[in-house]
Amino acid sequence: MWVYVYKFDKHGWFTKCKARLVVRGDQQVKSTHEDTYVSTLAGRSFRTLMAIAARFDLELLQYDVVNAFVNAELKQDVYMRMPGGYRNPGLVLKLQKALYGLRQSPLLWQKELTTTLTNIGFKSVPHEPCCLSKGGILIFFYVDDLIVAYEKTNQKSVEWTIGKLREKYQLSGGDTLQWFLGIEIICE
């Protein structure tokens, strides 16, 4: 099915409309998908990270992984019927990548991102699976939104890390963190 999303900026002004082809996960047979639980960054962890960033004057950059879910491989066969309006009615496709709406997509994406970060030397922070660290760099994420926190002296390492992420994923952003999960961040 097609899902239409209207995007607004931080002031509530309309910026664009997006259309996305999604799987009807509500019609998925339970035996066709693995565990679907996915961690999300806890609010208290986010507040703690912001306090640490303020205390140690850390730089905060924000990135978005474009079409994050489709970067994750499917481990089992999943088929979907194309929605109405497609030129070949009734066409059934075998998915090769996780797609939005698929019940296991968020978990597969989280595993994909965590594996990538682990492969370049990051380690999970105990009790917070959505936060990883390496040599004075913290990366925390909420689904496809990434925040990179670091001291200015680690600029080269951050550039290397972002370069490695860009080799695998299309990233947008890279600006100083201003908004995250509806919270305005003001650094003075």
N, C-alpha and C. Protein backbone atom coordinates (compact mmCIF):
# COMPACT_ATOMS: atom_id res chain seq x y z
N MET A 1 0.84 -1.17 0.00
CA MET A 1 0.00 0.00 0.00
C MET A 1 0.89 1.24 0.00
N TRP A 2 0.34 2.33 -0.41
CA TRP A 2 1.07 3.59 -0.42
C TRP A 2 0.71 4.39 0.83
N VAL A 3 1.73 4.97 1.46
CA VAL A 3 1.51 5.85 2.61
C VAL A 3 2.05 7.22 2.23
N TYR A 4 1.24 8.23 2.48
CA TYR A 4 1.64 9.60 2.17
C TYR A 4 1.92 10.32 3.48
N VAL A 5 3.06 11.00 3.52
CA VAL A 5 3.49 11.69 4.74
C VAL A 5 3.75 13.14 4.39
N TYR A 6 3.26 14.01 5.24
CA TYR A 6 3.52 15.44 5.09
C TYR A 6 4.59 15.82 6.10
N LYS A 7 5.64 16.47 5.62
CA LYS A 7 6.76 16.86 6.49
C LYS A 7 6.66 18.35 6.81
N PHE A 8 6.99 18.67 8.06
CA PHE A 8 6.96 20.05 8.53
C PHE A 8 8.29 20.38 9.18
N ASP A 9 8.69 21.64 9.13
CA ASP A 9 9.94 22.03 9.79
C ASP A 9 9.69 22.25 11.28
N LYS A 10 10.73 22.67 11.99
CA LYS A 10 10.63 22.82 13.44
C LYS A 10 9.63 23.89 13.87
N HIS A 11 9.25 24.77 12.95
CA HIS A 11 8.29 25.81 13.27
C HIS A 11 6.87 25.44 12.85
N GLY A 12 6.72 24.24 12.31
CA GLY A 12 5.39 23.78 11.90
C GLY A 12 5.01 24.14 10.47
N TRP A 13 5.95 24.66 9.70
CA TRP A 13 5.68 25.01 8.31
C TRP A 13 5.85 23.77 7.43
N PHE A 14 4.91 23.60 6.51
CA PHE A 14 4.95 22.48 5.56
C PHE A 14 6.20 22.60 4.69
N THR A 15 6.94 21.47 4.54
CA THR A 15 8.14 21.48 3.70
C THR A 15 8.04 20.56 2.50
N LYS A 16 7.42 19.38 2.67
CA LYS A 16 7.29 18.47 1.53
C LYS A 16 6.30 17.36 1.83
N CYS A 17 5.94 16.68 0.77
CA CYS A 17 5.06 15.51 0.87
C CYS A 17 5.84 14.32 0.32
N LYS A 18 5.78 13.19 1.03
CA LYS A 18 6.49 12.00 0.59
C LYS A 18 5.49 10.86 0.42
N ALA A 19 5.75 10.02 -0.57
CA ALA A 19 4.97 8.80 -0.76
C ALA A 19 5.92 7.63 -0.57
N ARG A 20 5.45 6.62 0.15
CA ARG A 20 6.31 5.47 0.43
C ARG A 20 5.50 4.19 0.24
N LEU A 21 6.07 3.24 -0.50
CA LEU A 21 5.47 1.92 -0.66
C LEU A 21 5.77 1.12 0.59
N VAL A 22 4.74 0.60 1.24
CA VAL A 22 4.94 -0.14 2.49
C VAL A 22 4.26 -1.50 2.41
N VAL A 23 4.73 -2.40 3.26
CA VAL A 23 4.14 -3.73 3.40
C VAL A 23 3.00 -3.62 4.40
N ARG A 24 1.95 -4.38 4.19
CA ARG A 24 0.86 -4.44 5.17
C ARG A 24 1.24 -5.45 6.25
N GLY A 25 2.03 -5.00 7.23
CA GLY A 25 2.48 -5.87 8.30
C GLY A 25 1.35 -6.45 9.13
N ASP A 26 0.21 -5.75 9.15
CA ASP A 26 -0.95 -6.25 9.89
C ASP A 26 -1.51 -7.52 9.25
N GLN A 27 -1.12 -7.79 8.01
CA GLN A 27 -1.58 -8.99 7.32
C GLN A 27 -0.50 -10.09 7.30
N GLN A 28 0.61 -9.83 7.95
CA GLN A 28 1.70 -10.79 7.99
C GLN A 28 1.34 -11.96 8.89
N VAL A 29 1.62 -13.17 8.42
CA VAL A 29 1.40 -14.37 9.23
C VAL A 29 2.50 -14.42 10.28
N LYS A 30 2.14 -14.66 11.54
CA LYS A 30 3.11 -14.62 12.64
C LYS A 30 4.31 -15.52 12.41
N SER A 31 4.12 -16.67 11.81
CA SER A 31 5.24 -17.60 11.60
C SER A 31 6.23 -17.10 10.55
N THR A 32 5.91 -16.02 9.84
CA THR A 32 6.81 -15.54 8.79
C THR A 32 7.80 -14.49 9.28
N HIS A 33 7.74 -14.15 10.55
CA HIS A 33 8.70 -13.15 11.03
C HIS A 33 9.27 -13.56 12.38
N GLU A 34 10.50 -13.10 12.60
CA GLU A 34 11.19 -13.41 13.84
C GLU A 34 10.71 -12.44 14.93
N ASP A 35 11.45 -12.40 16.00
CA ASP A 35 11.16 -11.47 17.08
C ASP A 35 11.06 -10.05 16.51
N THR A 36 10.15 -9.26 17.04
CA THR A 36 9.97 -7.91 16.53
C THR A 36 10.32 -6.83 17.54
N TYR A 37 10.71 -7.22 18.76
CA TYR A 37 11.04 -6.21 19.78
C TYR A 37 12.29 -5.45 19.35
N VAL A 38 12.21 -4.15 19.42
CA VAL A 38 13.37 -3.31 19.10
C VAL A 38 13.53 -2.27 20.21
N SER A 39 14.77 -2.05 20.61
CA SER A 39 15.05 -1.05 21.66
C SER A 39 14.90 0.34 21.07
N THR A 40 14.54 1.26 21.92
CA THR A 40 14.57 2.67 21.54
C THR A 40 15.30 3.41 22.65
N LEU A 41 15.87 4.52 22.30
CA LEU A 41 16.62 5.32 23.26
C LEU A 41 15.67 5.79 24.35
N ALA A 42 15.96 5.43 25.58
CA ALA A 42 15.12 5.83 26.72
C ALA A 42 15.23 7.33 26.94
N GLY A 43 14.13 7.95 27.33
CA GLY A 43 14.12 9.38 27.60
C GLY A 43 15.16 9.79 28.63
N ARG A 44 15.28 9.00 29.70
CA ARG A 44 16.27 9.33 30.75
C ARG A 44 17.69 9.22 30.21
N SER A 45 17.92 8.29 29.29
CA SER A 45 19.25 8.16 28.68
C SER A 45 19.56 9.37 27.82
N PHE A 46 18.56 9.83 27.06
CA PHE A 46 18.75 11.01 26.23
C PHE A 46 19.07 12.23 27.10
N ARG A 47 18.33 12.41 28.17
CA ARG A 47 18.58 13.55 29.07
C ARG A 47 19.97 13.44 29.70
N THR A 48 20.37 12.24 30.07
CA THR A 48 21.70 12.04 30.64
C THR A 48 22.78 12.38 29.62
N LEU A 49 22.59 11.95 28.38
CA LEU A 49 23.56 12.25 27.32
C LEU A 49 23.65 13.76 27.08
N MET A 50 22.52 14.45 27.14
CA MET A 50 22.53 15.90 26.96
C MET A 50 23.26 16.57 28.13
N ALA A 51 23.08 16.05 29.34
CA ALA A 51 23.78 16.61 30.51
C ALA A 51 25.29 16.39 30.38
N ILE A 52 25.69 15.22 29.93
CA ILE A 52 27.11 14.93 29.72
C ILE A 52 27.68 15.86 28.65
N ALA A 53 26.93 16.04 27.56
CA ALA A 53 27.38 16.93 26.48
C ALA A 53 27.54 18.36 26.98
N ALA A 54 26.60 18.81 27.82
CA ALA A 54 26.69 20.17 28.36
C ALA A 54 27.87 20.30 29.32
N ARG A 55 28.04 19.33 30.18
CA ARG A 55 29.10 19.38 31.20
C ARG A 55 30.49 19.38 30.57
N PHE A 56 30.68 18.58 29.52
CA PHE A 56 32.00 18.45 28.91
C PHE A 56 32.13 19.22 27.60
N ASP A 57 31.15 20.09 27.32
CA ASP A 57 31.18 20.95 26.12
C ASP A 57 31.40 20.14 24.84
N LEU A 58 30.62 19.08 24.69
CA LEU A 58 30.75 18.21 23.52
C LEU A 58 30.04 18.81 22.32
N GLU A 59 30.60 18.55 21.15
CA GLU A 59 29.94 18.89 19.90
C GLU A 59 28.82 17.88 19.68
N LEU A 60 27.71 18.32 19.12
CA LEU A 60 26.57 17.43 18.85
C LEU A 60 26.14 17.60 17.40
N LEU A 61 26.27 16.53 16.62
CA LEU A 61 25.85 16.55 15.22
C LEU A 61 24.69 15.58 15.05
N GLN A 62 23.79 15.92 14.15
CA GLN A 62 22.63 15.07 13.89
C GLN A 62 22.63 14.62 12.43
N TYR A 63 22.36 13.33 12.25
CA TYR A 63 22.25 12.74 10.91
C TYR A 63 20.96 11.94 10.82
N ASP A 64 20.48 11.79 9.61
CA ASP A 64 19.34 10.94 9.34
C ASP A 64 19.79 9.91 8.30
N VAL A 65 19.49 8.65 8.53
CA VAL A 65 19.80 7.61 7.55
C VAL A 65 18.61 7.54 6.60
N VAL A 66 18.85 7.88 5.35
CA VAL A 66 17.78 7.93 4.35
C VAL A 66 17.31 6.51 4.03
N ASN A 67 16.01 6.29 4.08
CA ASN A 67 15.42 4.97 3.82
C ASN A 67 16.15 3.87 4.58
N ALA A 68 16.30 4.07 5.86
CA ALA A 68 17.11 3.19 6.70
C ALA A 68 16.74 1.72 6.58
N PHE A 69 15.46 1.40 6.67
CA PHE A 69 15.06 0.00 6.74
C PHE A 69 15.51 -0.81 5.53
N VAL A 70 15.54 -0.20 4.35
CA VAL A 70 15.90 -0.97 3.15
C VAL A 70 17.39 -1.30 3.09
N ASN A 71 18.16 -0.87 4.07
CA ASN A 71 19.56 -1.26 4.17
C ASN A 71 19.72 -2.61 4.85
N ALA A 72 18.66 -3.11 5.46
CA ALA A 72 18.73 -4.37 6.21
C ALA A 72 18.28 -5.53 5.33
N GLU A 73 19.06 -6.60 5.35
CA GLU A 73 18.74 -7.81 4.57
C GLU A 73 17.66 -8.62 5.27
N LEU A 74 16.79 -9.23 4.48
CA LEU A 74 15.82 -10.18 5.02
C LEU A 74 16.46 -11.56 5.06
N LYS A 75 16.23 -12.28 6.13
CA LYS A 75 16.82 -13.61 6.27
C LYS A 75 15.87 -14.71 5.82
N GLN A 76 14.60 -14.39 5.68
CA GLN A 76 13.63 -15.39 5.24
C GLN A 76 12.86 -14.84 4.04
N ASP A 77 12.16 -15.72 3.36
CA ASP A 77 11.39 -15.31 2.19
C ASP A 77 10.14 -14.55 2.62
N VAL A 78 9.96 -13.38 2.05
CA VAL A 78 8.77 -12.57 2.29
C VAL A 78 8.26 -12.10 0.94
N TYR A 79 6.97 -12.27 0.72
CA TYR A 79 6.35 -11.88 -0.54
C TYR A 79 5.31 -10.82 -0.27
N MET A 80 5.11 -9.94 -1.24
CA MET A 80 4.05 -8.94 -1.13
C MET A 80 3.38 -8.74 -2.48
N ARG A 81 2.11 -8.44 -2.42
CA ARG A 81 1.35 -8.14 -3.63
C ARG A 81 1.39 -6.63 -3.84
N MET A 82 1.61 -6.21 -5.06
CA MET A 82 1.65 -4.78 -5.36
C MET A 82 0.27 -4.17 -5.15
N PRO A 83 0.23 -2.94 -4.65
CA PRO A 83 -1.07 -2.31 -4.36
C PRO A 83 -1.81 -1.92 -5.63
N GLY A 84 -3.09 -1.64 -5.46
CA GLY A 84 -3.92 -1.20 -6.59
C GLY A 84 -3.31 0.02 -7.27
N GLY A 85 -3.53 0.13 -8.55
CA GLY A 85 -2.99 1.24 -9.31
C GLY A 85 -1.68 0.92 -9.99
N TYR A 86 -1.07 -0.20 -9.63
CA TYR A 86 0.18 -0.61 -10.27
C TYR A 86 -0.16 -1.17 -11.65
N ARG A 87 0.72 -1.00 -12.62
CA ARG A 87 0.40 -1.36 -14.01
C ARG A 87 0.19 -2.86 -14.23
N ASN A 88 0.74 -3.73 -13.37
CA ASN A 88 0.53 -5.17 -13.49
C ASN A 88 -0.27 -5.65 -12.28
N PRO A 89 -1.60 -5.54 -12.32
CA PRO A 89 -2.40 -5.92 -11.16
C PRO A 89 -2.16 -7.38 -10.76
N GLY A 90 -2.09 -7.60 -9.45
CA GLY A 90 -1.90 -8.96 -8.95
C GLY A 90 -0.46 -9.42 -8.89
N LEU A 91 0.48 -8.58 -9.33
CA LEU A 91 1.89 -8.96 -9.33
C LEU A 91 2.35 -9.20 -7.89
N VAL A 92 3.04 -10.32 -7.67
CA VAL A 92 3.58 -10.66 -6.36
C VAL A 92 5.10 -10.58 -6.44
N LEU A 93 5.69 -9.90 -5.47
CA LEU A 93 7.14 -9.70 -5.45
C LEU A 93 7.77 -10.38 -4.24
N LYS A 94 8.97 -10.89 -4.43
CA LYS A 94 9.75 -11.42 -3.31
C LYS A 94 10.67 -10.30 -2.84
N LEU A 95 10.56 -9.94 -1.57
CA LEU A 95 11.38 -8.86 -1.02
C LEU A 95 12.79 -9.36 -0.74
N GLN A 96 13.76 -8.53 -1.04
CA GLN A 96 15.15 -8.86 -0.74
C GLN A 96 15.65 -8.06 0.46
N LYS A 97 15.02 -6.94 0.71
CA LYS A 97 15.41 -6.05 1.81
C LYS A 97 14.20 -5.78 2.70
N ALA A 98 14.50 -5.37 3.92
CA ALA A 98 13.42 -4.99 4.83
C ALA A 98 12.72 -3.77 4.24
N LEU A 99 11.43 -3.72 4.38
CA LEU A 99 10.64 -2.63 3.83
C LEU A 99 9.78 -2.05 4.94
N TYR A 100 9.48 -0.79 4.84
CA TYR A 100 8.63 -0.15 5.84
C TYR A 100 7.30 -0.88 5.93
N GLY A 101 6.82 -1.04 7.15
CA GLY A 101 5.56 -1.75 7.40
C GLY A 101 5.76 -3.20 7.77
N LEU A 102 6.86 -3.79 7.37
CA LEU A 102 7.16 -5.18 7.71
C LEU A 102 7.45 -5.25 9.20
N ARG A 103 6.83 -6.19 9.89
CA ARG A 103 6.94 -6.23 11.35
C ARG A 103 8.38 -6.31 11.86
N GLN A 104 9.24 -7.02 11.15
CA GLN A 104 10.60 -7.20 11.64
C GLN A 104 11.58 -6.12 11.17
N SER A 105 11.14 -5.20 10.33
CA SER A 105 12.05 -4.19 9.77
C SER A 105 12.78 -3.35 10.80
N PRO A 106 12.12 -2.81 11.83
CA PRO A 106 12.87 -2.00 12.80
C PRO A 106 13.98 -2.79 13.49
N LEU A 107 13.70 -4.03 13.87
CA LEU A 107 14.72 -4.86 14.52
C LEU A 107 15.87 -5.17 13.57
N LEU A 108 15.54 -5.51 12.32
CA LEU A 108 16.60 -5.81 11.34
C LEU A 108 17.48 -4.59 11.10
N TRP A 109 16.87 -3.40 11.04
CA TRP A 109 17.64 -2.18 10.84
C TRP A 109 18.55 -1.92 12.06
N GLN A 110 18.01 -2.09 13.26
CA GLN A 110 18.83 -1.86 14.45
C GLN A 110 20.03 -2.80 14.49
N LYS A 111 19.80 -4.07 14.14
CA LYS A 111 20.90 -5.03 14.09
C LYS A 111 21.92 -4.63 13.03
N GLU A 112 21.45 -4.18 11.87
CA GLU A 112 22.33 -3.75 10.78
C GLU A 112 23.21 -2.59 11.23
N LEU A 113 22.61 -1.56 11.80
CA LEU A 113 23.37 -0.38 12.23
C LEU A 113 24.35 -0.72 13.34
N THR A 114 23.89 -1.49 14.32
CA THR A 114 24.75 -1.87 15.44
C THR A 114 25.94 -2.70 14.96
N THR A 115 25.70 -3.61 14.03
CA THR A 115 26.79 -4.42 13.47
C THR A 115 27.80 -3.54 12.74
N THR A 116 27.31 -2.60 11.95
CA THR A 116 28.21 -1.70 11.23
C THR A 116 29.08 -0.91 12.20
N LEU A 117 28.46 -0.35 13.23
CA LEU A 117 29.23 0.44 14.20
C LEU A 117 30.22 -0.44 14.98
N THR A 118 29.80 -1.65 15.32
CA THR A 118 30.68 -2.58 16.03
C THR A 118 31.88 -2.96 15.15
N ASN A 119 31.64 -3.14 13.86
CA ASN A 119 32.71 -3.51 12.93
C ASN A 119 33.77 -2.42 12.77
N ILE A 120 33.41 -1.18 13.09
CA ILE A 120 34.42 -0.10 13.00
C ILE A 120 34.91 0.30 14.40
N GLY A 121 34.68 -0.59 15.37
CA GLY A 121 35.30 -0.41 16.68
C GLY A 121 34.44 0.14 17.80
N PHE A 122 33.18 0.44 17.54
CA PHE A 122 32.31 0.95 18.59
C PHE A 122 31.84 -0.18 19.48
N LYS A 123 31.58 0.15 20.74
CA LYS A 123 31.09 -0.82 21.70
C LYS A 123 29.79 -0.30 22.30
N SER A 124 28.84 -1.21 22.53
CA SER A 124 27.57 -0.81 23.13
C SER A 124 27.79 -0.34 24.56
N VAL A 125 27.08 0.71 24.92
CA VAL A 125 27.08 1.19 26.30
C VAL A 125 26.20 0.25 27.11
N PRO A 126 26.69 -0.25 28.25
CA PRO A 126 25.88 -1.19 29.04
C PRO A 126 24.49 -0.62 29.38
N HIS A 127 23.49 -1.44 29.23
CA HIS A 127 22.10 -1.12 29.56
C HIS A 127 21.47 -0.08 28.63
N GLU A 128 22.15 0.31 27.56
CA GLU A 128 21.57 1.25 26.60
C GLU A 128 21.98 0.83 25.20
N PRO A 129 21.23 -0.12 24.59
CA PRO A 129 21.61 -0.66 23.29
C PRO A 129 21.58 0.36 22.14
N CYS A 130 20.99 1.52 22.37
CA CYS A 130 20.93 2.54 21.32
C CYS A 130 22.03 3.59 21.47
N CYS A 131 23.04 3.27 22.24
CA CYS A 131 24.18 4.17 22.43
C CYS A 131 25.46 3.35 22.34
N LEU A 132 26.38 3.78 21.48
CA LEU A 132 27.66 3.10 21.32
C LEU A 132 28.78 4.13 21.46
N SER A 133 29.94 3.66 21.90
CA SER A 133 31.05 4.59 22.11
C SER A 133 32.36 4.02 21.57
N LYS A 134 33.26 4.95 21.26
CA LYS A 134 34.60 4.57 20.81
C LYS A 134 35.50 5.78 20.98
N GLY A 135 36.52 5.65 21.79
CA GLY A 135 37.55 6.69 21.91
C GLY A 135 37.04 8.10 22.09
N GLY A 136 36.10 8.31 22.97
CA GLY A 136 35.60 9.66 23.22
C GLY A 136 34.51 10.11 22.28
N ILE A 137 34.01 9.22 21.44
CA ILE A 137 32.89 9.53 20.54
C ILE A 137 31.69 8.70 20.99
N LEU A 138 30.55 9.36 21.15
CA LEU A 138 29.30 8.67 21.46
C LEU A 138 28.38 8.79 20.25
N ILE A 139 27.78 7.68 19.86
CA ILE A 139 26.74 7.72 18.84
C ILE A 139 25.51 7.12 19.47
N PHE A 140 24.43 7.89 19.48
CA PHE A 140 23.17 7.34 19.96
C PHE A 140 22.13 7.56 18.88
N PHE A 141 21.16 6.66 18.86
CA PHE A 141 20.20 6.70 17.77
C PHE A 141 18.79 6.36 18.23
N TYR A 142 17.85 6.88 17.48
CA TYR A 142 16.44 6.56 17.64
C TYR A 142 15.96 6.21 16.23
N VAL A 143 15.81 4.95 15.97
CA VAL A 143 15.48 4.38 14.66
C VAL A 143 16.50 4.86 13.63
N ASP A 144 16.16 5.85 12.80
CA ASP A 144 17.08 6.29 11.74
C ASP A 144 17.73 7.64 12.02
N ASP A 145 17.48 8.20 13.19
CA ASP A 145 18.09 9.47 13.59
C ASP A 145 19.32 9.20 14.44
N LEU A 146 20.47 9.70 14.00
CA LEU A 146 21.74 9.49 14.71
C LEU A 146 22.23 10.81 15.30
N ILE A 147 22.73 10.74 16.52
CA ILE A 147 23.39 11.89 17.14
C ILE A 147 24.82 11.47 17.44
N VAL A 148 25.76 12.31 17.04
CA VAL A 148 27.18 12.06 17.31
C VAL A 148 27.64 13.13 18.30
N ALA A 149 28.13 12.68 19.45
CA ALA A 149 28.64 13.58 20.49
C ALA A 149 30.14 13.34 20.65
N TYR A 150 30.92 14.42 20.67
CA TYR A 150 32.38 14.26 20.72
C TYR A 150 33.05 15.57 21.15
N GLU A 151 34.27 15.44 21.64
CA GLU A 151 35.09 16.62 21.93
C GLU A 151 35.69 17.11 20.62
N LYS A 152 35.93 18.41 20.55
CA LYS A 152 36.49 19.00 19.33
C LYS A 152 37.81 18.34 18.92
N THR A 153 38.55 17.84 19.89
CA THR A 153 39.84 17.21 19.59
C THR A 153 39.67 15.89 18.82
N ASN A 154 38.47 15.36 18.79
CA ASN A 154 38.19 14.10 18.07
C ASN A 154 37.60 14.33 16.68
N GLN A 155 37.71 15.54 16.16
CA GLN A 155 37.09 15.87 14.87
C GLN A 155 37.50 14.91 13.75
N LYS A 156 38.79 14.60 13.66
CA LYS A 156 39.28 13.71 12.58
C LYS A 156 38.67 12.32 12.72
N SER A 157 38.59 11.80 13.93
CA SER A 157 38.00 10.48 14.16
C SER A 157 36.52 10.47 13.79
N VAL A 158 35.83 11.56 14.08
CA VAL A 158 34.41 11.66 13.73
C VAL A 158 34.27 11.68 12.21
N GLU A 159 35.10 12.45 11.53
CA GLU A 159 35.04 12.49 10.06
C GLU A 159 35.28 11.10 9.48
N TRP A 160 36.24 10.36 10.03
CA TRP A 160 36.51 9.00 9.57
C TRP A 160 35.28 8.11 9.80
N THR A 161 34.69 8.21 10.99
CA THR A 161 33.52 7.40 11.33
C THR A 161 32.35 7.70 10.39
N ILE A 162 32.08 8.97 10.18
CA ILE A 162 30.98 9.35 9.28
C ILE A 162 31.28 8.89 7.87
N GLY A 163 32.53 8.96 7.46
CA GLY A 163 32.93 8.45 6.14
C GLY A 163 32.62 6.97 6.00
N LYS A 164 32.92 6.20 7.05
CA LYS A 164 32.62 4.76 7.04
C LYS A 164 31.12 4.52 6.97
N LEU A 165 30.34 5.30 7.70
CA LEU A 165 28.88 5.15 7.64
C LEU A 165 28.36 5.52 6.24
N ARG A 166 28.94 6.55 5.65
CA ARG A 166 28.50 6.97 4.30
C ARG A 166 28.85 5.93 3.24
N GLU A 167 29.86 5.10 3.50
CA GLU A 167 30.18 4.02 2.55
C GLU A 167 29.04 3.01 2.47
N LYS A 168 28.28 2.87 3.54
CA LYS A 168 27.19 1.88 3.58
C LYS A 168 25.81 2.49 3.44
N TYR A 169 25.63 3.72 3.94
CA TYR A 169 24.30 4.32 4.01
C TYR A 169 24.31 5.73 3.44
N GLN A 170 23.15 6.13 2.96
CA GLN A 170 22.99 7.52 2.54
C GLN A 170 22.58 8.31 3.77
N LEU A 171 23.40 9.29 4.14
CA LEU A 171 23.11 10.12 5.31
C LEU A 171 22.74 11.52 4.87
N SER A 172 21.78 12.10 5.56
CA SER A 172 21.49 13.52 5.36
C SER A 172 21.75 14.21 6.69
N GLY A 173 21.88 15.51 6.66
CA GLY A 173 22.14 16.25 7.89
C GLY A 173 23.62 16.49 8.08
N GLY A 174 24.06 16.33 9.31
CA GLY A 174 25.45 16.62 9.66
C GLY A 174 25.58 17.99 10.29
N ASP A 175 24.43 18.59 10.57
CA ASP A 175 24.42 19.91 11.20
C ASP A 175 24.43 19.77 12.72
N THR A 176 24.66 20.88 13.38
CA THR A 176 24.60 20.90 14.84
C THR A 176 23.18 20.53 15.29
N LEU A 177 23.10 19.70 16.30
CA LEU A 177 21.81 19.24 16.82
C LEU A 177 20.98 20.42 17.29
N GLN A 178 19.75 20.50 16.76
CA GLN A 178 18.82 21.55 17.18
C GLN A 178 17.51 20.97 17.70
N TRP A 179 17.05 19.87 17.08
CA TRP A 179 15.80 19.24 17.48
C TRP A 179 16.00 17.74 17.48
N PHE A 180 15.44 17.08 18.49
CA PHE A 180 15.50 15.62 18.54
C PHE A 180 14.25 15.12 19.24
N LEU A 181 13.47 14.32 18.55
CA LEU A 181 12.24 13.75 19.09
C LEU A 181 11.32 14.83 19.66
N GLY A 182 11.22 15.94 18.93
CA GLY A 182 10.33 17.02 19.33
C GLY A 182 10.88 17.90 20.44
N ILE A 183 12.14 17.71 20.81
CA ILE A 183 12.76 18.50 21.87
C ILE A 183 13.76 19.45 21.23
N GLU A 184 13.63 20.74 21.53
CA GLU A 184 14.58 21.71 21.01
C GLU A 184 15.83 21.70 21.89
N ILE A 185 16.98 21.65 21.24
CA ILE A 185 18.27 21.63 21.93
C ILE A 185 18.94 22.98 21.71
N ILE A 186 19.23 23.68 22.79
CA ILE A 186 19.89 24.98 22.71
C ILE A 186 21.23 24.88 23.42
N CYS A 187 22.30 25.10 22.68
CA CYS A 187 23.65 25.05 23.26
C CYS A 187 24.21 26.47 23.27
N GLU A 188 24.60 26.92 24.44
CA GLU A 188 25.17 28.27 24.55
C GLU A 188 26.54 28.22 25.18
